[in-house]
């Protein structure tokens, strides 16, 4: 499945839908990114997408591009009652997933905030946002992308909260694992919940 940086997140959504619709009893969902050729580095550098100092500074005034990262993640998904019955180690429960499409934007590094807000509104319309304590953002470390994403998160998820909403991005820790980045973000959140600790940028 290739939807660029959302590939493994999209795969997670399809895997969840497969289980919900009774097509599968369980699903392995995975994503990988291996940096084995220079051509992509050259292209991204020419497009000024990469950080010239090799540091991903998500949500920072000095953000100047992203840093490529390698990784592989695989998760086993199954219905909660089945996981309990099988005495599995349960790291998280997925309540809901969703996807949409940006449409035409000025460039690949400029996400559409209207599309982002529309999806967040659909996913969280019946939720008590005061129960939401953390959002793992895409947060690539590009000034326009980060700006649009934080505006979307703030307008939909942070607007009516009693407490400040904490946000972060795994890309400041391990780089942007591109096609695997959605699942890498999920893995980070699972580990933070297990350890009851927010990982700093």
C-alpha atoms as a PDB file:
ATOM      1  CA  UNK A   1       0.000   0.000   0.000  1.00  0.00           C
ATOM      2  CA  UNK A   2       1.620   3.275  -1.062  1.00  0.00           C
ATOM      3  CA  UNK A   3       0.113   6.532   0.152  1.00  0.00           C
ATOM      4  CA  UNK A   4       3.532   8.090   0.810  1.00  0.00           C
ATOM      5  CA  UNK A   5       4.030   9.099   4.467  1.00  0.00           C
ATOM      6  CA  UNK A   6       0.572   7.874   5.471  1.00  0.00           C
ATOM      7  CA  UNK A   7       1.113   4.338   4.092  1.00  0.00           C
ATOM      8  CA  UNK A   8       1.358   2.391   7.358  1.00  0.00           C
ATOM      9  CA  UNK A   9      -1.348   4.513   9.007  1.00  0.00           C
ATOM     10  CA  UNK A  10      -3.611   3.797   6.050  1.00  0.00           C
ATOM     11  CA  UNK A  11      -2.761   0.096   6.357  1.00  0.00           C
ATOM     12  CA  UNK A  12      -3.709   0.216  10.049  1.00  0.00           C
ATOM     13  CA  UNK A  13      -7.104   1.690   9.142  1.00  0.00           C
ATOM     14  CA  UNK A  14      -7.733  -1.040   6.523  1.00  0.00           C
ATOM     15  CA  UNK A  15      -6.669  -3.760   8.973  1.00  0.00           C
ATOM     16  CA  UNK A  16      -9.067  -2.440  11.625  1.00  0.00           C
ATOM     17  CA  UNK A  17     -11.881  -2.280   9.079  1.00  0.00           C
ATOM     18  CA  UNK A  18     -11.148  -5.859   8.005  1.00  0.00           C
ATOM     19  CA  UNK A  19     -11.570  -7.054  11.593  1.00  0.00           C
ATOM     20  CA  UNK A  20     -14.675  -4.915  12.232  1.00  0.00           C
ATOM     21  CA  UNK A  21     -16.293  -6.185   9.009  1.00  0.00           C
ATOM     22  CA  UNK A  22     -15.596  -9.816   9.909  1.00  0.00           C
ATOM     23  CA  UNK A  23     -13.221 -10.388   6.984  1.00  0.00           C
ATOM     24  CA  UNK A  24     -10.347 -11.269   9.347  1.00  0.00           C
ATOM     25  CA  UNK A  25     -10.084 -12.641  12.865  1.00  0.00           C
ATOM     26  CA  UNK A  26      -6.787 -10.831  13.338  1.00  0.00           C
ATOM     27  CA  UNK A  27      -4.319  -8.843  11.239  1.00  0.00           C
ATOM     28  CA  UNK A  28      -0.613  -8.193  11.159  1.00  0.00           C
ATOM     29  CA  UNK A  29      -0.034  -4.648   9.964  1.00  0.00           C
ATOM     30  CA  UNK A  30       3.451  -3.405   9.180  1.00  0.00           C
ATOM     31  CA  UNK A  31       5.494  -0.635   7.666  1.00  0.00           C
ATOM     32  CA  UNK A  32       9.132  -0.299   6.720  1.00  0.00           C
ATOM     33  CA  UNK A  33      11.569   2.276   5.431  1.00  0.00           C
ATOM     34  CA  UNK A  34      15.130   1.484   4.392  1.00  0.00           C
ATOM     35  CA  UNK A  35      17.477   4.139   2.983  1.00  0.00           C
ATOM     36  CA  UNK A  36      19.459   2.230   0.360  1.00  0.00           C
ATOM     37  CA  UNK A  37      19.852   4.627  -2.560  1.00  0.00           C
ATOM     38  CA  UNK A  38      21.080   8.222  -2.881  1.00  0.00           C
ATOM     39  CA  UNK A  39      18.530   9.356  -5.483  1.00  0.00           C
ATOM     40  CA  UNK A  40      15.765  10.133  -2.991  1.00  0.00           C
ATOM     41  CA  UNK A  41      18.180  12.056  -0.777  1.00  0.00           C
ATOM     42  CA  UNK A  42      19.259  14.119  -3.778  1.00  0.00           C
ATOM     43  CA  UNK A  43      15.673  14.804  -4.868  1.00  0.00           C
ATOM     44  CA  UNK A  44      14.493  15.780  -1.384  1.00  0.00           C
ATOM     45  CA  UNK A  45      17.593  17.969  -0.914  1.00  0.00           C
ATOM     46  CA  UNK A  46      16.939  19.753  -4.209  1.00  0.00           C
ATOM     47  CA  UNK A  47      13.352  20.325  -3.085  1.00  0.00           C
ATOM     48  CA  UNK A  48      14.725  21.823   0.188  1.00  0.00           C
ATOM     49  CA  UNK A  49      12.672  19.326   2.217  1.00  0.00           C
ATOM     50  CA  UNK A  50      15.577  18.029   4.331  1.00  0.00           C
ATOM     51  CA  UNK A  51      17.133  19.781   7.307  1.00  0.00           C
ATOM     52  CA  UNK A  52      20.547  21.114   6.246  1.00  0.00           C
ATOM     53  CA  UNK A  53      21.930  20.638   9.775  1.00  0.00           C
ATOM     54  CA  UNK A  54      20.535  17.105  10.126  1.00  0.00           C
ATOM     55  CA  UNK A  55      18.239  17.947  13.063  1.00  0.00           C
ATOM     56  CA  UNK A  56      14.467  17.617  13.104  1.00  0.00           C
ATOM     57  CA  UNK A  57      13.097  20.576  15.079  1.00  0.00           C
ATOM     58  CA  UNK A  58       9.357  19.914  15.055  1.00  0.00           C
ATOM     59  CA  UNK A  59       7.214  22.807  16.418  1.00  0.00           C
ATOM     60  CA  UNK A  60      10.350  24.954  16.809  1.00  0.00           C
ATOM     61  CA  UNK A  61      10.839  28.464  15.412  1.00  0.00           C
ATOM     62  CA  UNK A  62      14.083  27.149  13.882  1.00  0.00           C
ATOM     63  CA  UNK A  63      12.457  24.207  12.084  1.00  0.00           C
ATOM     64  CA  UNK A  64      14.152  23.889   8.709  1.00  0.00           C
ATOM     65  CA  UNK A  65      13.207  20.513   7.271  1.00  0.00           C
ATOM     66  CA  UNK A  66      13.038  16.867   8.158  1.00  0.00           C
ATOM     67  CA  UNK A  67      15.579  14.120   8.756  1.00  0.00           C
ATOM     68  CA  UNK A  68      15.121  10.749   7.078  1.00  0.00           C
ATOM     69  CA  UNK A  69      14.991   7.675   9.291  1.00  0.00           C
ATOM     70  CA  UNK A  70      14.960   3.913   8.891  1.00  0.00           C
ATOM     71  CA  UNK A  71      12.651   1.541  10.681  1.00  0.00           C
ATOM     72  CA  UNK A  72      10.345  -1.446  10.594  1.00  0.00           C
ATOM     73  CA  UNK A  73       7.247  -1.906  12.715  1.00  0.00           C
ATOM     74  CA  UNK A  74       4.741  -4.750  12.835  1.00  0.00           C
ATOM     75  CA  UNK A  75       1.695  -4.909  15.095  1.00  0.00           C
ATOM     76  CA  UNK A  76      -0.782  -7.716  15.704  1.00  0.00           C
ATOM     77  CA  UNK A  77      -4.379  -6.526  15.855  1.00  0.00           C
ATOM     78  CA  UNK A  78      -7.312  -8.529  17.125  1.00  0.00           C
ATOM     79  CA  UNK A  79     -10.646  -7.867  18.867  1.00  0.00           C
ATOM     80  CA  UNK A  80     -10.176  -6.934  22.539  1.00  0.00           C
ATOM     81  CA  UNK A  81     -12.257  -9.826  23.879  1.00  0.00           C
ATOM     82  CA  UNK A  82     -10.187 -12.275  21.808  1.00  0.00           C
ATOM     83  CA  UNK A  83      -6.901 -10.753  23.040  1.00  0.00           C
ATOM     84  CA  UNK A  84      -8.122 -11.084  26.650  1.00  0.00           C
ATOM     85  CA  UNK A  85      -9.233 -14.673  26.030  1.00  0.00           C
ATOM     86  CA  UNK A  86      -5.833 -15.519  24.484  1.00  0.00           C
ATOM     87  CA  UNK A  87      -4.010 -13.853  27.421  1.00  0.00           C
ATOM     88  CA  UNK A  88      -2.093 -11.590  25.033  1.00  0.00           C
ATOM     89  CA  UNK A  89      -0.038  -8.625  26.167  1.00  0.00           C
ATOM     90  CA  UNK A  90      -2.382  -5.740  25.312  1.00  0.00           C
ATOM     91  CA  UNK A  91      -0.548  -2.472  24.719  1.00  0.00           C
ATOM     92  CA  UNK A  92      -3.452  -0.334  23.515  1.00  0.00           C
ATOM     93  CA  UNK A  93      -7.060  -0.379  22.400  1.00  0.00           C
ATOM     94  CA  UNK A  94      -7.948   1.309  19.122  1.00  0.00           C
ATOM     95  CA  UNK A  95     -11.376   2.931  19.481  1.00  0.00           C
ATOM     96  CA  UNK A  96     -11.667   4.424  16.014  1.00  0.00           C
ATOM     97  CA  UNK A  97      -9.675   5.074  12.849  1.00  0.00           C
ATOM     98  CA  UNK A  98     -10.299   7.283   9.856  1.00  0.00           C
ATOM     99  CA  UNK A  99      -8.751   8.464   6.621  1.00  0.00           C
ATOM    100  CA  UNK A 100      -9.373  11.190   4.090  1.00  0.00           C
ATOM    101  CA  UNK A 101      -7.553  12.929   1.257  1.00  0.00           C
ATOM    102  CA  UNK A 102      -5.863  16.325   0.988  1.00  0.00           C
ATOM    103  CA  UNK A 103      -6.842  17.025  -2.589  1.00  0.00           C
ATOM    104  CA  UNK A 104      -4.605  19.327  -4.611  1.00  0.00           C
ATOM    105  CA  UNK A 105      -2.186  21.383  -2.509  1.00  0.00           C
ATOM    106  CA  UNK A 106       0.585  23.811  -3.404  1.00  0.00           C
ATOM    107  CA  UNK A 107       3.254  21.134  -2.752  1.00  0.00           C
ATOM    108  CA  UNK A 108       3.771  17.739  -1.124  1.00  0.00           C
ATOM    109  CA  UNK A 109       5.114  19.467   2.015  1.00  0.00           C
ATOM    110  CA  UNK A 110       2.039  21.681   2.427  1.00  0.00           C
ATOM    111  CA  UNK A 111      -0.835  19.680   3.927  1.00  0.00           C
ATOM    112  CA  UNK A 112      -4.393  20.943   3.608  1.00  0.00           C
ATOM    113  CA  UNK A 113      -5.553  22.162   7.051  1.00  0.00           C
ATOM    114  CA  UNK A 114      -9.209  22.052   5.979  1.00  0.00           C
ATOM    115  CA  UNK A 115      -8.907  18.325   5.216  1.00  0.00           C
ATOM    116  CA  UNK A 116      -7.075  17.723   8.492  1.00  0.00           C
ATOM    117  CA  UNK A 117      -9.732  19.564  10.487  1.00  0.00           C
ATOM    118  CA  UNK A 118     -12.518  17.711   8.681  1.00  0.00           C
ATOM    119  CA  UNK A 119     -11.041  14.326   9.627  1.00  0.00           C
ATOM    120  CA  UNK A 120     -10.404  15.337  13.250  1.00  0.00           C
ATOM    121  CA  UNK A 121     -13.951  16.663  13.508  1.00  0.00           C
ATOM    122  CA  UNK A 122     -15.348  13.355  12.206  1.00  0.00           C
ATOM    123  CA  UNK A 123     -13.220  11.275  14.577  1.00  0.00           C
ATOM    124  CA  UNK A 124     -13.737  13.308  17.750  1.00  0.00           C
ATOM    125  CA  UNK A 125     -17.265  14.706  17.328  1.00  0.00           C
ATOM    126  CA  UNK A 126     -18.728  12.453  20.059  1.00  0.00           C
ATOM    127  CA  UNK A 127     -15.710  12.453  22.392  1.00  0.00           C
ATOM    128  CA  UNK A 128     -15.107  14.421  25.575  1.00  0.00           C
ATOM    129  CA  UNK A 129     -11.997  16.355  24.604  1.00  0.00           C
ATOM    130  CA  UNK A 130     -11.144  16.985  28.250  1.00  0.00           C
ATOM    131  CA  UNK A 131     -10.266  13.277  28.411  1.00  0.00           C
ATOM    132  CA  UNK A 132      -7.671  13.813  25.663  1.00  0.00           C
ATOM    133  CA  UNK A 133      -4.245  14.408  27.208  1.00  0.00           C
ATOM    134  CA  UNK A 134      -1.839  13.898  24.290  1.00  0.00           C
ATOM    135  CA  UNK A 135      -1.721  13.975  20.487  1.00  0.00           C
ATOM    136  CA  UNK A 136       1.087  12.347  18.534  1.00  0.00           C
ATOM    137  CA  UNK A 137       1.363  14.591  15.494  1.00  0.00           C
ATOM    138  CA  UNK A 138       2.883  13.935  12.079  1.00  0.00           C
ATOM    139  CA  UNK A 139       5.230  16.863  12.867  1.00  0.00           C
ATOM    140  CA  UNK A 140       7.932  16.602  10.220  1.00  0.00           C
ATOM    141  CA  UNK A 141       9.891  19.712  11.173  1.00  0.00           C
ATOM    142  CA  UNK A 142       8.902  21.774   8.145  1.00  0.00           C
ATOM    143  CA  UNK A 143       7.684  25.250   9.062  1.00  0.00           C
ATOM    144  CA  UNK A 144       4.565  25.260   6.851  1.00  0.00           C
ATOM    145  CA  UNK A 145       3.582  21.630   7.515  1.00  0.00           C
ATOM    146  CA  UNK A 146       3.985  21.977  11.287  1.00  0.00           C
ATOM    147  CA  UNK A 147       2.105  25.277  11.288  1.00  0.00           C
ATOM    148  CA  UNK A 148      -0.859  23.852   9.370  1.00  0.00           C
ATOM    149  CA  UNK A 149      -0.995  20.741  11.534  1.00  0.00           C
ATOM    150  CA  UNK A 150      -0.861  22.602  14.851  1.00  0.00           C
ATOM    151  CA  UNK A 151      -3.567  25.010  13.653  1.00  0.00           C
ATOM    152  CA  UNK A 152      -5.769  21.995  12.784  1.00  0.00           C
ATOM    153  CA  UNK A 153      -5.124  20.246  16.106  1.00  0.00           C
ATOM    154  CA  UNK A 154      -5.672  23.452  18.081  1.00  0.00           C
ATOM    155  CA  UNK A 155      -8.887  24.407  16.301  1.00  0.00           C
ATOM    156  CA  UNK A 156     -10.544  21.010  16.659  1.00  0.00           C
ATOM    157  CA  UNK A 157      -8.975  19.251  19.651  1.00  0.00           C
ATOM    158  CA  UNK A 158      -7.626  22.068  21.782  1.00  0.00           C
ATOM    159  CA  UNK A 159     -10.318  24.699  21.466  1.00  0.00           C
ATOM    160  CA  UNK A 160     -12.654  23.735  24.307  1.00  0.00           C
ATOM    161  CA  UNK A 161     -10.260  21.915  26.625  1.00  0.00           C
ATOM    162  CA  UNK A 162      -9.887  22.904  30.275  1.00  0.00           C
ATOM    163  CA  UNK A 163      -6.185  21.963  30.280  1.00  0.00           C
ATOM    164  CA  UNK A 164      -3.430  22.550  27.750  1.00  0.00           C
ATOM    165  CA  UNK A 165      -3.210  19.801  25.124  1.00  0.00           C
ATOM    166  CA  UNK A 166       0.233  18.214  24.893  1.00  0.00           C
ATOM    167  CA  UNK A 167       1.512  17.324  21.427  1.00  0.00           C
ATOM    168  CA  UNK A 168       4.686  15.691  20.197  1.00  0.00           C
ATOM    169  CA  UNK A 169       6.351  13.990  17.251  1.00  0.00           C
ATOM    170  CA  UNK A 170       8.551  10.871  17.209  1.00  0.00           C
ATOM    171  CA  UNK A 171      10.439  12.376  14.251  1.00  0.00           C
ATOM    172  CA  UNK A 172      12.505  14.498  16.646  1.00  0.00           C
ATOM    173  CA  UNK A 173      13.722  11.249  18.253  1.00  0.00           C
ATOM    174  CA  UNK A 174      14.222   8.787  15.380  1.00  0.00           C
ATOM    175  CA  UNK A 175      13.743  10.859  12.234  1.00  0.00           C
ATOM    176  CA  UNK A 176      10.988  10.581   9.650  1.00  0.00           C
ATOM    177  CA  UNK A 177      10.553   6.918   8.784  1.00  0.00           C
ATOM    178  CA  UNK A 178       8.346   7.973   5.855  1.00  0.00           C
ATOM    179  CA  UNK A 179       6.127   5.031   4.806  1.00  0.00           C
ATOM    180  CA  UNK A 180       6.506   3.467   8.288  1.00  0.00           C
ATOM    181  CA  UNK A 181       5.969   6.707  10.213  1.00  0.00           C
ATOM    182  CA  UNK A 182       2.300   6.166  11.110  1.00  0.00           C
ATOM    183  CA  UNK A 183       2.976   2.890  12.898  1.00  0.00           C
ATOM    184  CA  UNK A 184       6.184   4.226  14.457  1.00  0.00           C
ATOM    185  CA  UNK A 185       4.030   6.966  16.006  1.00  0.00           C
ATOM    186  CA  UNK A 186       1.520   4.369  17.281  1.00  0.00           C
ATOM    187  CA  UNK A 187       4.365   2.344  18.799  1.00  0.00           C
ATOM    188  CA  UNK A 188       5.667   5.459  20.604  1.00  0.00           C
ATOM    189  CA  UNK A 189       2.238   6.137  22.117  1.00  0.00           C
ATOM    190  CA  UNK A 190       1.906   2.490  23.220  1.00  0.00           C
ATOM    191  CA  UNK A 191       5.285   2.644  24.978  1.00  0.00           C
ATOM    192  CA  UNK A 192       4.411   5.963  26.646  1.00  0.00           C
ATOM    193  CA  UNK A 193       1.155   4.495  27.945  1.00  0.00           C
ATOM    194  CA  UNK A 194       2.941   1.371  29.193  1.00  0.00           C
ATOM    195  CA  UNK A 195       5.527   3.473  31.058  1.00  0.00           C
ATOM    196  CA  UNK A 196       3.067   6.252  32.024  1.00  0.00           C
ATOM    197  CA  UNK A 197       5.539   8.829  30.761  1.00  0.00           C
ATOM    198  CA  UNK A 198       5.445  11.381  27.932  1.00  0.00           C
ATOM    199  CA  UNK A 199       8.524  11.150  25.733  1.00  0.00           C
ATOM    200  CA  UNK A 200       9.949  14.641  25.143  1.00  0.00           C
ATOM    201  CA  UNK A 201      10.750  16.007  21.713  1.00  0.00           C
END
